[in-house]
C-alpha atoms as a PDB file:
ATOM      1  CA  GLN A   1      10.774  -1.263 -15.919  1.00  0.00           C
ATOM      2  CA  VAL A   2       7.991  -0.280 -13.531  1.00  0.00           C
ATOM      3  CA  GLN A   3       8.598   2.676 -11.226  1.00  0.00           C
ATOM      4  CA  LEU A   4       6.337   3.508  -8.300  1.00  0.00           C
ATOM      5  CA  VAL A   5       6.211   6.625  -6.144  1.00  0.00           C
ATOM      6  CA  GLU A   6       4.400   6.821  -2.802  1.00  0.00           C
ATOM      7  CA  SER A   7       3.151  10.001  -1.186  1.00  0.00           C
ATOM      8  CA  GLY A   8       0.868  11.090   1.629  1.00  0.00           C
ATOM      9  CA  GLY A   9       2.767   9.981   4.690  1.00  0.00           C
ATOM     10  CA  GLY A  10       3.282  12.196   7.699  1.00  0.00           C
ATOM     11  CA  LEU A  11       2.624  12.723  11.381  1.00  0.00           C
ATOM     12  CA  VAL A  12      -0.871  12.192  12.757  1.00  0.00           C
ATOM     13  CA  GLN A  13      -2.401  11.778  16.184  1.00  0.00           C
ATOM     14  CA  ALA A  14      -3.858   8.481  17.301  1.00  0.00           C
ATOM     15  CA  GLY A  15      -7.383   8.096  15.999  1.00  0.00           C
ATOM     16  CA  GLY A  16      -6.646  10.215  12.957  1.00  0.00           C
ATOM     17  CA  SER A  17      -6.560   9.375   9.263  1.00  0.00           C
ATOM     18  CA  LEU A  18      -4.156   9.529   6.354  1.00  0.00           C
ATOM     19  CA  ARG A  19      -4.445   8.595   2.710  1.00  0.00           C
ATOM     20  CA  LEU A  20      -1.397   7.238   0.936  1.00  0.00           C
ATOM     21  CA  SER A  21      -1.063   7.367  -2.823  1.00  0.00           C
ATOM     22  CA  CYS A  22       1.004   5.191  -5.137  1.00  0.00           C
ATOM     23  CA  ALA A  23       1.595   6.504  -8.624  1.00  0.00           C
ATOM     24  CA  ILE A  24       3.240   4.652 -11.466  1.00  0.00           C
ATOM     25  CA  SER A  25       5.750   6.668 -13.465  1.00  0.00           C
ATOM     26  CA  LYS A  26       6.811   3.939 -15.862  1.00  0.00           C
ATOM     27  CA  GLY A  27       4.765   1.014 -17.066  1.00  0.00           C
ATOM     28  CA  THR A  28       1.072   0.381 -17.698  1.00  0.00           C
ATOM     29  CA  PHE A  29      -0.633   0.562 -14.331  1.00  0.00           C
ATOM     30  CA  SER A  30      -3.565  -1.686 -15.189  1.00  0.00           C
ATOM     31  CA  ASN A  31      -1.170  -4.540 -15.966  1.00  0.00           C
ATOM     32  CA  TYR A  32      -0.357  -5.091 -12.295  1.00  0.00           C
ATOM     33  CA  PRO A  33      -1.947  -5.973  -8.978  1.00  0.00           C
ATOM     34  CA  VAL A  34      -0.891  -3.561  -6.234  1.00  0.00           C
ATOM     35  CA  GLY A  35      -0.080  -4.177  -2.616  1.00  0.00           C
ATOM     36  CA  TRP A  36       0.683  -2.037   0.390  1.00  0.00           C
ATOM     37  CA  PHE A  37       3.313  -3.083   2.920  1.00  0.00           C
ATOM     38  CA  ARG A  38       4.932  -1.575   5.968  1.00  0.00           C
ATOM     39  CA  GLN A  39       8.085  -2.071   7.949  1.00  0.00           C
ATOM     40  CA  ALA A  40       8.606  -0.792  11.465  1.00  0.00           C
ATOM     41  CA  PRO A  41      12.077  -0.520  13.027  1.00  0.00           C
ATOM     42  CA  GLY A  42      13.350  -3.898  14.099  1.00  0.00           C
ATOM     43  CA  LYS A  43      10.450  -5.725  12.503  1.00  0.00           C
ATOM     44  CA  GLU A  44       9.943  -7.638   9.299  1.00  0.00           C
ATOM     45  CA  ARG A  45       8.086  -6.141   6.401  1.00  0.00           C
ATOM     46  CA  GLU A  46       4.431  -7.134   6.434  1.00  0.00           C
ATOM     47  CA  ILE A  47       1.813  -7.098   3.717  1.00  0.00           C
ATOM     48  CA  LEU A  48      -1.220  -5.022   4.686  1.00  0.00           C
ATOM     49  CA  ALA A  49      -3.514  -5.127   1.675  1.00  0.00           C
ATOM     50  CA  GLY A  50      -3.615  -6.118  -1.961  1.00  0.00           C
ATOM     51  CA  ILE A  51      -5.861  -5.421  -4.917  1.00  0.00           C
ATOM     52  CA  THR A  52      -6.184  -7.080  -8.307  1.00  0.00           C
ATOM     53  CA  TRP A  53      -5.282  -5.320 -11.549  1.00  0.00           C
ATOM     54  CA  SER A  54      -8.938  -4.519 -12.197  1.00  0.00           C
ATOM     55  CA  GLY A  55      -9.791  -3.532  -8.645  1.00  0.00           C
ATOM     56  CA  GLY A  56     -12.387  -6.264  -8.501  1.00  0.00           C
ATOM     57  CA  SER A  57     -10.945  -8.073  -5.498  1.00  0.00           C
ATOM     58  CA  SER A  58      -8.940  -7.056  -2.483  1.00  0.00           C
ATOM     59  CA  PHE A  59      -7.683  -8.518   0.743  1.00  0.00           C
ATOM     60  CA  TYR A  60      -6.488  -7.199   4.110  1.00  0.00           C
ATOM     61  CA  ALA A  61      -4.237  -8.386   6.860  1.00  0.00           C
ATOM     62  CA  ASP A  62      -5.998  -8.896  10.173  1.00  0.00           C
ATOM     63  CA  SER A  63      -3.977  -6.066  11.711  1.00  0.00           C
ATOM     64  CA  VAL A  64      -5.658  -3.460   9.475  1.00  0.00           C
ATOM     65  CA  LYS A  65      -8.970  -5.047   8.503  1.00  0.00           C
ATOM     66  CA  GLY A  66     -11.845  -2.654   9.124  1.00  0.00           C
ATOM     67  CA  ARG A  67      -9.516   0.357   9.441  1.00  0.00           C
ATOM     68  CA  PHE A  68      -7.634   0.505   6.119  1.00  0.00           C
ATOM     69  CA  THR A  69      -9.067   0.490   2.608  1.00  0.00           C
ATOM     70  CA  ILE A  70      -7.142  -0.176  -0.583  1.00  0.00           C
ATOM     71  CA  SER A  71      -8.385   1.158  -3.907  1.00  0.00           C
ATOM     72  CA  ARG A  72      -7.106   2.043  -7.342  1.00  0.00           C
ATOM     73  CA  ASP A  73      -7.942   4.330 -10.243  1.00  0.00           C
ATOM     74  CA  ASN A  74      -6.442   2.884 -13.394  1.00  0.00           C
ATOM     75  CA  ALA A  75      -7.387   5.969 -15.382  1.00  0.00           C
ATOM     76  CA  ARG A  76      -5.189   8.030 -13.051  1.00  0.00           C
ATOM     77  CA  ASN A  77      -2.476   5.348 -12.776  1.00  0.00           C
ATOM     78  CA  THR A  78      -2.735   5.576  -9.003  1.00  0.00           C
ATOM     79  CA  ALA A  79      -3.530   3.323  -6.077  1.00  0.00           C
ATOM     80  CA  TYR A  80      -4.528   4.441  -2.603  1.00  0.00           C
ATOM     81  CA  LEU A  81      -4.478   3.268   0.978  1.00  0.00           C
ATOM     82  CA  GLN A  82      -7.009   5.049   3.171  1.00  0.00           C
ATOM     83  CA  MET A  83      -5.988   4.626   6.793  1.00  0.00           C
ATOM     84  CA  ASN A  84      -8.490   5.419   9.540  1.00  0.00           C
ATOM     85  CA  SER A  85      -8.435   5.006  13.316  1.00  0.00           C
ATOM     86  CA  LEU A  86      -4.654   5.069  13.300  1.00  0.00           C
ATOM     87  CA  LYS A  87      -2.768   3.706  16.294  1.00  0.00           C
ATOM     88  CA  PRO A  88       0.775   4.333  17.507  1.00  0.00           C
ATOM     89  CA  GLU A  89       1.644   0.765  16.482  1.00  0.00           C
ATOM     90  CA  ASP A  90       0.867   1.716  12.874  1.00  0.00           C
ATOM     91  CA  THR A  91       4.041   3.805  12.863  1.00  0.00           C
ATOM     92  CA  ALA A  92       6.284   2.484  10.077  1.00  0.00           C
ATOM     93  CA  VAL A  93       7.619   3.106   6.595  1.00  0.00           C
ATOM     94  CA  TYR A  94       4.863   2.255   4.125  1.00  0.00           C
ATOM     95  CA  TYR A  95       5.593   0.861   0.689  1.00  0.00           C
ATOM     96  CA  CYS A  96       3.499   0.173  -2.346  1.00  0.00           C
ATOM     97  CA  ALA A  97       4.426  -2.589  -4.732  1.00  0.00           C
ATOM     98  CA  ALA A  98       3.285  -4.001  -8.050  1.00  0.00           C
ATOM     99  CA  GLY A  99       2.996  -7.636  -8.941  1.00  0.00           C
ATOM    100  CA  ALA A 100       5.325  -9.247 -11.459  1.00  0.00           C
ATOM    101  CA  HIS A 101       2.462  -9.580 -13.971  1.00  0.00           C
ATOM    102  CA  ARG A 102      -1.273  -9.015 -14.267  1.00  0.00           C
ATOM    103  CA  TYR A 103      -2.308 -12.360 -12.746  1.00  0.00           C
ATOM    104  CA  SER A 104       0.191 -12.476  -9.908  1.00  0.00           C
ATOM    105  CA  ASP A 105      -1.452 -13.503  -6.646  1.00  0.00           C
ATOM    106  CA  TYR A 106      -2.214 -10.166  -4.957  1.00  0.00           C
ATOM    107  CA  ARG A 107      -2.484 -11.898  -1.568  1.00  0.00           C
ATOM    108  CA  GLU A 108       1.078 -13.228  -1.535  1.00  0.00           C
ATOM    109  CA  SER A 109       4.095 -11.097  -0.604  1.00  0.00           C
ATOM    110  CA  ARG A 110       6.325 -13.086  -2.945  1.00  0.00           C
ATOM    111  CA  SER A 111       4.215 -12.013  -5.930  1.00  0.00           C
ATOM    112  CA  TYR A 112       5.419  -8.426  -5.758  1.00  0.00           C
ATOM    113  CA  ALA A 113       8.357  -7.494  -7.944  1.00  0.00           C
ATOM    114  CA  TYR A 114       8.390  -3.697  -8.162  1.00  0.00           C
ATOM    115  CA  TRP A 115       8.652  -1.365  -5.177  1.00  0.00           C
ATOM    116  CA  GLY A 116       8.343   2.292  -4.343  1.00  0.00           C
ATOM    117  CA  GLN A 117      10.817   4.141  -2.143  1.00  0.00           C
ATOM    118  CA  GLY A 118       8.534   4.230   0.885  1.00  0.00           C
ATOM    119  CA  THR A 119       6.835   6.962   2.882  1.00  0.00           C
ATOM    120  CA  GLN A 120       7.035   7.444   6.644  1.00  0.00           C
ATOM    121  CA  VAL A 121       3.878   7.330   8.737  1.00  0.00           C
ATOM    122  CA  THR A 122       4.167   8.332  12.378  1.00  0.00           C
ATOM    123  CA  VAL A 123       1.225   8.085  14.765  1.00  0.00           C
ATOM    124  CA  SER A 124       1.591   9.910  18.052  1.00  0.00           C
ATOM    125  CA  SER A 125      -0.242   8.874  21.200  1.00  0.00           C
END
């Protein structure tokens, strides 16, 4: 069973940056594509970015394109979400997730089977 742990959330002013990390504690990290999601109060969970198992391809939702960058280091069993130019509307609980298998479609929310516990990001105006 795959277990994921997010870290790096916190409080930041608008225009600031944060880097979230997603570490795998069980499983072989390079077997899975990784995605980052968020859920704000009263809203549905949305996929923000995804990256293939090798790191060779990635995609971004329009809401974060040009501001957020997803990456991974398979040697360190960790994925990252670098968030720049943060806005108050980015306030949410952020989750990382791993695909069901190596070739799961990293662009599709339904491909993700394993989830971290989430980390809160709050952006003040």
